[in-house]
């Protein structure tokens, strides 16, 4: 027997306001055709008054707990991936902890931009397997709209707001059982040499401001396809699986062209890739758990399925995780 982190339930949350490409075209010099052709995005959700990263994270967490049939009081670890926290400190995870009523356990944020959920997942998995906690909420939540330069059409059309969460539980399973559930392997990477390709141009210790998101899209695209394909191969090699064994890939929803190119590079059929970028745009650390919950709730992802999570974000950071549901 071996101890694994098993997904017990998932949940997601979106702001009330949906913004179509047509509406965005009234705010910035762009068109629906231009956005769809280059990104595949048709819609995104934008936070309004009273909506924050913490409120979205809390809503997604409540839905995940309900799906898992688990009381919030039994959660002793919360790891929240975000680059748009409610405050510089304390961690937004502690705000969620207070809202859920599960005070006293471990709660902290992870900043790895679009890879934030995978970094949070790997961290929670490690803590669960060492016995530091028994049940965890792993969350990706963002209010990217509050970081954007709304006069820069090359970036403001790409992003949206949202949150996704999963409940993880440490469970003894038979490691020799090929369909035993749990996280099988995760590989993470970072390379600060590419900071200027995707970054915020401000911060507390430099400008004393939040700054705005800046990106060189063409260069990011090129690195994303190469890095994501490579890290997926690393995880497959570690676990002994082939790409044909994967039931579903749940990728970071950055750009439809990146999703297509990565799938082709690995020889994965498009019908195995969960795509929500058309509805939600790029929600950074929220995009993987948001897409996962969407596919669970519409019946595509089922117990026993072999699912690959993957993401790449500013920094650069990137990673992948293979999970038996």
Protein backbone atom coordinates (compact mmCIF):
# COMPACT_ATOMS: atom_id res chain seq x y z
CA UNK A 1 0.00 0.00 0.00
CA UNK A 2 1.08 3.56 -0.63
CA UNK A 3 -0.22 6.99 0.32
CA UNK A 4 -1.61 9.05 -2.55
CA UNK A 5 -3.40 12.37 -2.87
CA UNK A 6 -6.83 11.60 -4.34
CA UNK A 7 -9.22 14.15 -5.88
CA UNK A 8 -12.53 13.93 -4.00
CA UNK A 9 -14.42 16.77 -5.67
CA UNK A 10 -14.12 19.92 -7.73
CA UNK A 11 -15.84 23.28 -8.06
CA UNK A 12 -15.57 26.52 -9.98
CA UNK A 13 -16.83 30.09 -9.99
CA UNK A 14 -17.17 32.88 -12.52
CA UNK A 15 -18.04 36.57 -12.11
CA UNK A 16 -21.59 37.55 -12.89
CA UNK A 17 -20.67 39.76 -15.84
CA UNK A 18 -19.87 38.07 -19.16
CA UNK A 19 -18.12 40.21 -21.78
CA UNK A 20 -18.30 39.17 -25.44
CA UNK A 21 -15.79 40.13 -28.11
CA UNK A 22 -18.43 42.42 -29.59
CA UNK A 23 -18.73 44.33 -26.32
CA UNK A 24 -14.96 44.48 -25.98
CA UNK A 25 -14.75 45.97 -29.48
CA UNK A 26 -16.69 49.00 -28.16
CA UNK A 27 -13.99 49.56 -25.53
CA UNK A 28 -10.76 48.97 -27.50
CA UNK A 29 -9.67 48.94 -31.15
CA UNK A 30 -10.39 45.31 -32.02
CA UNK A 31 -12.99 43.06 -33.64
CA UNK A 32 -14.59 39.72 -32.88
CA UNK A 33 -12.96 38.25 -36.01
CA UNK A 34 -9.49 39.47 -35.02
CA UNK A 35 -9.74 37.96 -31.53
CA UNK A 36 -11.24 34.62 -32.61
CA UNK A 37 -8.74 34.11 -35.43
CA UNK A 38 -5.71 34.69 -33.21
CA UNK A 39 -6.86 33.21 -29.91
CA UNK A 40 -10.10 31.24 -30.22
CA UNK A 41 -11.62 33.43 -27.48
CA UNK A 42 -15.24 34.53 -27.85
CA UNK A 43 -16.19 35.44 -24.29
CA UNK A 44 -14.74 36.13 -20.85
CA UNK A 45 -16.08 36.99 -17.38
CA UNK A 46 -15.04 40.19 -15.62
CA UNK A 47 -15.38 40.94 -11.90
CA UNK A 48 -17.59 43.76 -10.68
CA UNK A 49 -18.12 45.55 -7.40
CA UNK A 50 -17.85 43.21 -4.43
CA UNK A 51 -16.19 40.43 -6.41
CA UNK A 52 -12.56 39.61 -5.61
CA UNK A 53 -10.11 36.76 -5.96
CA UNK A 54 -11.10 35.61 -2.46
CA UNK A 55 -14.86 35.67 -3.13
CA UNK A 56 -14.41 33.64 -6.32
CA UNK A 57 -12.04 31.21 -4.57
CA UNK A 58 -14.47 30.78 -1.69
CA UNK A 59 -17.39 30.04 -4.01
CA UNK A 60 -15.38 27.49 -6.00
CA UNK A 61 -14.18 25.87 -2.77
CA UNK A 62 -17.70 25.55 -1.39
CA UNK A 63 -18.81 23.81 -4.58
CA UNK A 64 -15.80 21.47 -4.43
CA UNK A 65 -16.57 20.58 -0.81
CA UNK A 66 -20.20 19.92 -1.70
CA UNK A 67 -19.17 17.68 -4.60
CA UNK A 68 -16.79 15.79 -2.31
CA UNK A 69 -19.39 15.45 0.45
CA UNK A 70 -16.82 16.81 2.91
CA UNK A 71 -17.28 19.40 5.67
CA UNK A 72 -15.10 22.49 5.53
CA UNK A 73 -14.05 21.94 9.15
CA UNK A 74 -12.13 18.80 8.10
CA UNK A 75 -9.86 20.78 5.73
CA UNK A 76 -6.45 21.28 7.34
CA UNK A 77 -4.56 22.67 4.32
CA UNK A 78 -5.38 25.37 1.77
CA UNK A 79 -2.97 26.19 -1.05
CA UNK A 80 -4.12 28.93 -3.41
CA UNK A 81 -2.41 29.70 -6.71
CA UNK A 82 -2.85 33.35 -7.69
CA UNK A 83 -1.00 36.36 -9.07
CA UNK A 84 -3.88 38.70 -8.21
CA UNK A 85 -4.31 38.42 -4.42
CA UNK A 86 -6.79 40.52 -2.50
CA UNK A 87 -3.94 42.06 -0.48
CA UNK A 88 -0.14 42.03 -0.61
CA UNK A 89 -0.50 40.23 2.72
CA UNK A 90 -1.90 38.25 4.42
CA UNK A 91 -2.37 35.44 1.94
CA UNK A 92 -5.71 35.27 0.17
CA UNK A 93 -5.82 31.61 1.25
CA UNK A 94 -6.34 32.81 4.82
CA UNK A 95 -9.30 34.94 3.72
CA UNK A 96 -10.83 31.84 2.12
CA UNK A 97 -10.05 29.83 5.26
CA UNK A 98 -11.89 32.34 7.43
CA UNK A 99 -14.88 32.47 5.05
CA UNK A 100 -15.19 28.67 5.04
CA UNK A 101 -14.80 28.34 8.78
CA UNK A 102 -11.84 25.95 8.78
CA UNK A 103 -9.44 28.05 10.83
CA UNK A 104 -6.24 26.76 12.43
CA UNK A 105 -4.77 24.65 9.63
CA UNK A 106 -2.15 25.53 7.03
CA UNK A 107 -3.10 28.23 4.50
CA UNK A 108 -0.90 30.08 2.04
CA UNK A 109 -0.68 31.41 -1.51
CA UNK A 110 1.59 30.28 -4.34
CA UNK A 111 2.67 32.75 -7.02
CA UNK A 112 3.56 30.99 -10.28
CA UNK A 113 1.21 32.92 -12.60
CA UNK A 114 -0.56 30.58 -15.07
CA UNK A 115 1.25 27.57 -13.57
CA UNK A 116 0.03 28.54 -10.11
CA UNK A 117 -2.52 25.75 -9.78
CA UNK A 118 0.03 23.07 -10.72
CA UNK A 119 2.57 24.49 -8.27
CA UNK A 120 -0.16 24.55 -5.60
CA UNK A 121 -1.19 20.99 -6.48
CA UNK A 122 2.37 19.68 -6.21
CA UNK A 123 2.88 21.48 -2.88
CA UNK A 124 -0.34 20.14 -1.39
CA UNK A 125 0.44 16.64 -2.68
CA UNK A 126 3.84 16.70 -0.96
CA UNK A 127 2.38 17.91 2.34
CA UNK A 128 -0.37 15.29 2.28
CA UNK A 129 2.04 12.45 1.53
CA UNK A 130 4.33 13.48 4.40
CA UNK A 131 1.41 13.48 6.84
CA UNK A 132 1.49 17.23 7.48
CA UNK A 133 -2.20 17.35 6.54
CA UNK A 134 -4.98 14.93 5.66
CA UNK A 135 -7.39 16.95 3.52
CA UNK A 136 -6.60 19.93 1.33
CA UNK A 137 -8.26 22.53 -0.81
CA UNK A 138 -6.14 23.34 -3.85
CA UNK A 139 -7.37 26.49 -5.58
CA UNK A 140 -6.54 28.57 -8.62
CA UNK A 141 -8.24 31.98 -8.54
CA UNK A 142 -7.62 35.21 -10.41
CA UNK A 143 -9.01 38.66 -11.11
CA UNK A 144 -6.77 39.32 -14.10
CA UNK A 145 -8.97 42.16 -15.34
CA UNK A 146 -7.59 44.33 -12.53
CA UNK A 147 -4.01 43.82 -13.76
CA UNK A 148 -4.61 44.72 -17.42
CA UNK A 149 -3.83 47.79 -19.47
CA UNK A 150 -7.23 48.27 -21.11
CA UNK A 151 -5.66 50.40 -23.83
CA UNK A 152 -3.38 47.56 -24.97
CA UNK A 153 -5.47 45.44 -27.32
CA UNK A 154 -2.75 42.79 -27.61
CA UNK A 155 -3.21 41.79 -23.94
CA UNK A 156 -6.58 43.00 -22.65
CA UNK A 157 -8.54 40.79 -25.08
CA UNK A 158 -6.81 37.64 -23.81
CA UNK A 159 -7.74 37.45 -20.15
CA UNK A 160 -10.71 36.82 -17.91
CA UNK A 161 -11.51 36.24 -14.24
CA UNK A 162 -12.55 33.07 -12.44
CA UNK A 163 -11.67 30.36 -9.94
CA UNK A 164 -11.45 26.59 -9.70
CA UNK A 165 -10.85 24.31 -6.72
CA UNK A 166 -10.38 20.66 -5.88
CA UNK A 167 -10.53 18.72 -2.62
CA UNK A 168 -7.54 16.43 -2.12
CA UNK A 169 -7.39 13.68 0.48
CA UNK A 170 -4.49 11.47 1.53
CA UNK A 171 -5.60 7.86 0.93
CA UNK A 172 -3.86 4.48 1.20
CA UNK A 173 -4.09 2.72 -2.18
CA UNK A 174 -2.66 -0.42 -3.74
CA UNK A 175 0.24 0.85 -5.87
CA UNK A 176 0.08 -2.32 -7.98
CA UNK A 177 -3.49 -1.59 -9.01
CA UNK A 178 -3.25 0.19 -12.39
CA UNK A 179 -6.51 2.07 -11.82
CA UNK A 180 -5.87 3.10 -8.20
CA UNK A 181 -6.74 6.80 -7.95
CA UNK A 182 -4.48 9.70 -7.08
CA UNK A 183 -1.70 11.95 -8.29
CA UNK A 184 0.84 9.75 -10.07
CA UNK A 185 3.58 12.23 -10.96
CA UNK A 186 4.22 15.96 -11.29
CA UNK A 187 7.11 17.80 -12.92
CA UNK A 188 7.66 21.54 -12.48
CA UNK A 189 10.12 23.98 -14.03
CA UNK A 190 11.00 27.67 -14.04
CA UNK A 191 13.45 29.88 -15.96
CA UNK A 192 13.76 33.52 -14.94
CA UNK A 193 15.76 34.35 -18.06
CA UNK A 194 12.47 34.98 -19.86
CA UNK A 195 11.04 37.46 -17.36
CA UNK A 196 10.68 40.24 -19.95
CA UNK A 197 8.47 38.14 -22.24
CA UNK A 198 5.58 37.96 -19.77
CA UNK A 199 5.59 40.06 -16.61
CA UNK A 200 4.03 42.83 -14.53
CA UNK A 201 5.79 46.19 -14.88
CA UNK A 202 5.35 47.10 -11.21
CA UNK A 203 5.50 45.72 -7.68
CA UNK A 204 5.59 46.71 -3.99
CA UNK A 205 9.40 46.86 -3.70
CA UNK A 206 10.12 48.45 -7.11
CA UNK A 207 7.46 50.93 -8.15
CA UNK A 208 5.19 50.74 -5.13
CA UNK A 209 2.32 50.00 -7.51
CA UNK A 210 0.65 46.88 -8.90
CA UNK A 211 1.76 47.71 -12.44
CA UNK A 212 0.22 46.33 -15.62
CA UNK A 213 0.61 43.04 -17.45
CA UNK A 214 3.08 43.11 -20.37
CA UNK A 215 3.59 40.30 -22.86
CA UNK A 216 5.43 39.54 -26.09
CA UNK A 217 2.91 37.10 -27.46
CA UNK A 218 4.83 35.66 -30.41
CA UNK A 219 7.83 34.67 -28.27
CA UNK A 220 5.62 33.27 -25.50
CA UNK A 221 3.76 31.11 -28.03
CA UNK A 222 6.99 29.58 -29.33
CA UNK A 223 8.32 28.73 -25.87
CA UNK A 224 4.94 27.43 -24.68
CA UNK A 225 4.62 24.78 -27.37
CA UNK A 226 8.17 23.50 -26.83
CA UNK A 227 8.13 23.58 -23.02
CA UNK A 228 4.69 22.03 -22.60
CA UNK A 229 5.39 19.17 -24.99
CA UNK A 230 8.68 18.46 -23.20
CA UNK A 231 7.23 18.43 -19.67
CA UNK A 232 4.35 16.18 -20.75
CA UNK A 233 6.90 13.71 -22.10
CA UNK A 234 8.80 13.88 -18.79
CA UNK A 235 5.72 12.93 -16.80
CA UNK A 236 4.83 10.11 -19.20
CA UNK A 237 8.37 8.75 -19.02
CA UNK A 238 8.32 8.85 -15.21
CA UNK A 239 5.02 6.98 -14.99
CA UNK A 240 5.57 4.55 -17.86
CA UNK A 241 2.46 5.62 -19.74
CA UNK A 242 2.19 6.57 -23.40
CA UNK A 243 0.28 9.54 -24.78
CA UNK A 244 -2.29 7.09 -26.17
CA UNK A 245 -3.10 6.01 -22.60
CA UNK A 246 -4.30 9.48 -21.60
CA UNK A 247 -8.06 9.86 -21.50
CA UNK A 248 -8.06 13.65 -21.16
CA UNK A 249 -5.60 16.53 -21.26
CA UNK A 250 -6.69 19.55 -19.22
CA UNK A 251 -4.36 22.33 -20.34
CA UNK A 252 -3.91 25.92 -19.31
CA UNK A 253 -6.40 27.83 -21.44
CA UNK A 254 -4.12 30.51 -22.91
CA UNK A 255 -4.76 30.35 -26.61
CA UNK A 256 -6.51 27.85 -28.87
CA UNK A 257 -3.51 27.76 -31.21
CA UNK A 258 -1.18 26.76 -28.36
CA UNK A 259 -3.58 23.96 -27.39
CA UNK A 260 -3.73 22.68 -30.96
CA UNK A 261 0.02 22.89 -31.52
CA UNK A 262 0.87 21.11 -28.26
CA UNK A 263 -1.61 18.30 -28.99
CA UNK A 264 -0.20 17.81 -32.49
CA UNK A 265 3.37 17.73 -31.17
CA UNK A 266 2.42 14.87 -28.84
CA UNK A 267 0.19 13.10 -31.36
CA UNK A 268 -2.89 13.60 -29.19
CA UNK A 269 -6.29 13.82 -30.90
CA UNK A 270 -8.09 17.14 -30.43
CA UNK A 271 -11.12 15.38 -28.97
CA UNK A 272 -9.04 14.39 -25.91
CA UNK A 273 -8.22 18.01 -25.04
CA UNK A 274 -10.58 19.93 -22.76
CA UNK A 275 -11.05 23.40 -24.25
CA UNK A 276 -12.81 26.25 -22.43
CA UNK A 277 -10.72 29.18 -23.65
CA UNK A 278 -13.54 30.19 -26.02
CA UNK A 279 -15.88 30.76 -23.04
CA UNK A 280 -13.54 31.88 -20.26
CA UNK A 281 -10.42 33.30 -22.01
CA UNK A 282 -7.13 33.06 -20.10
CA UNK A 283 -7.88 32.98 -16.37
CA UNK A 284 -4.23 32.35 -15.43
CA UNK A 285 -3.93 30.05 -12.37
CA UNK A 286 -7.69 29.45 -12.43
CA UNK A 287 -7.81 28.05 -15.95
CA UNK A 288 -6.79 24.42 -15.29
CA UNK A 289 -9.11 23.75 -12.32
CA UNK A 290 -11.91 25.72 -14.00
CA UNK A 291 -11.60 23.62 -17.16
CA UNK A 292 -11.34 20.42 -15.10
CA UNK A 293 -14.50 21.17 -13.15
CA UNK A 294 -16.33 22.05 -16.37
CA UNK A 295 -15.42 18.67 -17.88
CA UNK A 296 -16.30 16.76 -14.70
CA UNK A 297 -19.71 18.39 -14.42
CA UNK A 298 -20.64 17.90 -18.07
CA UNK A 299 -19.77 14.19 -17.78
CA UNK A 300 -16.66 14.02 -19.95
CA UNK A 301 -14.19 13.25 -17.17
CA UNK A 302 -15.24 10.22 -15.11
CA UNK A 303 -13.84 8.18 -12.21
CA UNK A 304 -11.03 5.95 -13.43
CA UNK A 305 -9.94 8.31 -16.21
CA UNK A 306 -6.26 9.14 -16.66
CA UNK A 307 -5.98 12.94 -16.81
CA UNK A 308 -2.99 15.14 -17.61
CA UNK A 309 -2.89 18.69 -16.28
CA UNK A 310 -0.42 21.09 -17.89
CA UNK A 311 0.33 24.82 -17.79
CA UNK A 312 2.92 27.48 -18.55
CA UNK A 313 3.03 31.03 -17.24
CA UNK A 314 5.12 34.14 -16.74
CA UNK A 315 8.54 33.81 -15.27
CA UNK A 316 8.65 31.43 -17.16
CA UNK A 317 7.10 28.68 -15.06
CA UNK A 318 5.66 25.46 -16.45
CA UNK A 319 4.67 21.98 -15.40
CA UNK A 320 2.46 18.94 -15.80
CA UNK A 321 0.74 16.44 -13.51
CA UNK A 322 -0.73 13.02 -14.30
CA UNK A 323 -3.72 12.02 -12.17
CA UNK A 324 -5.93 8.96 -12.02
CA UNK A 325 -9.39 10.25 -11.15
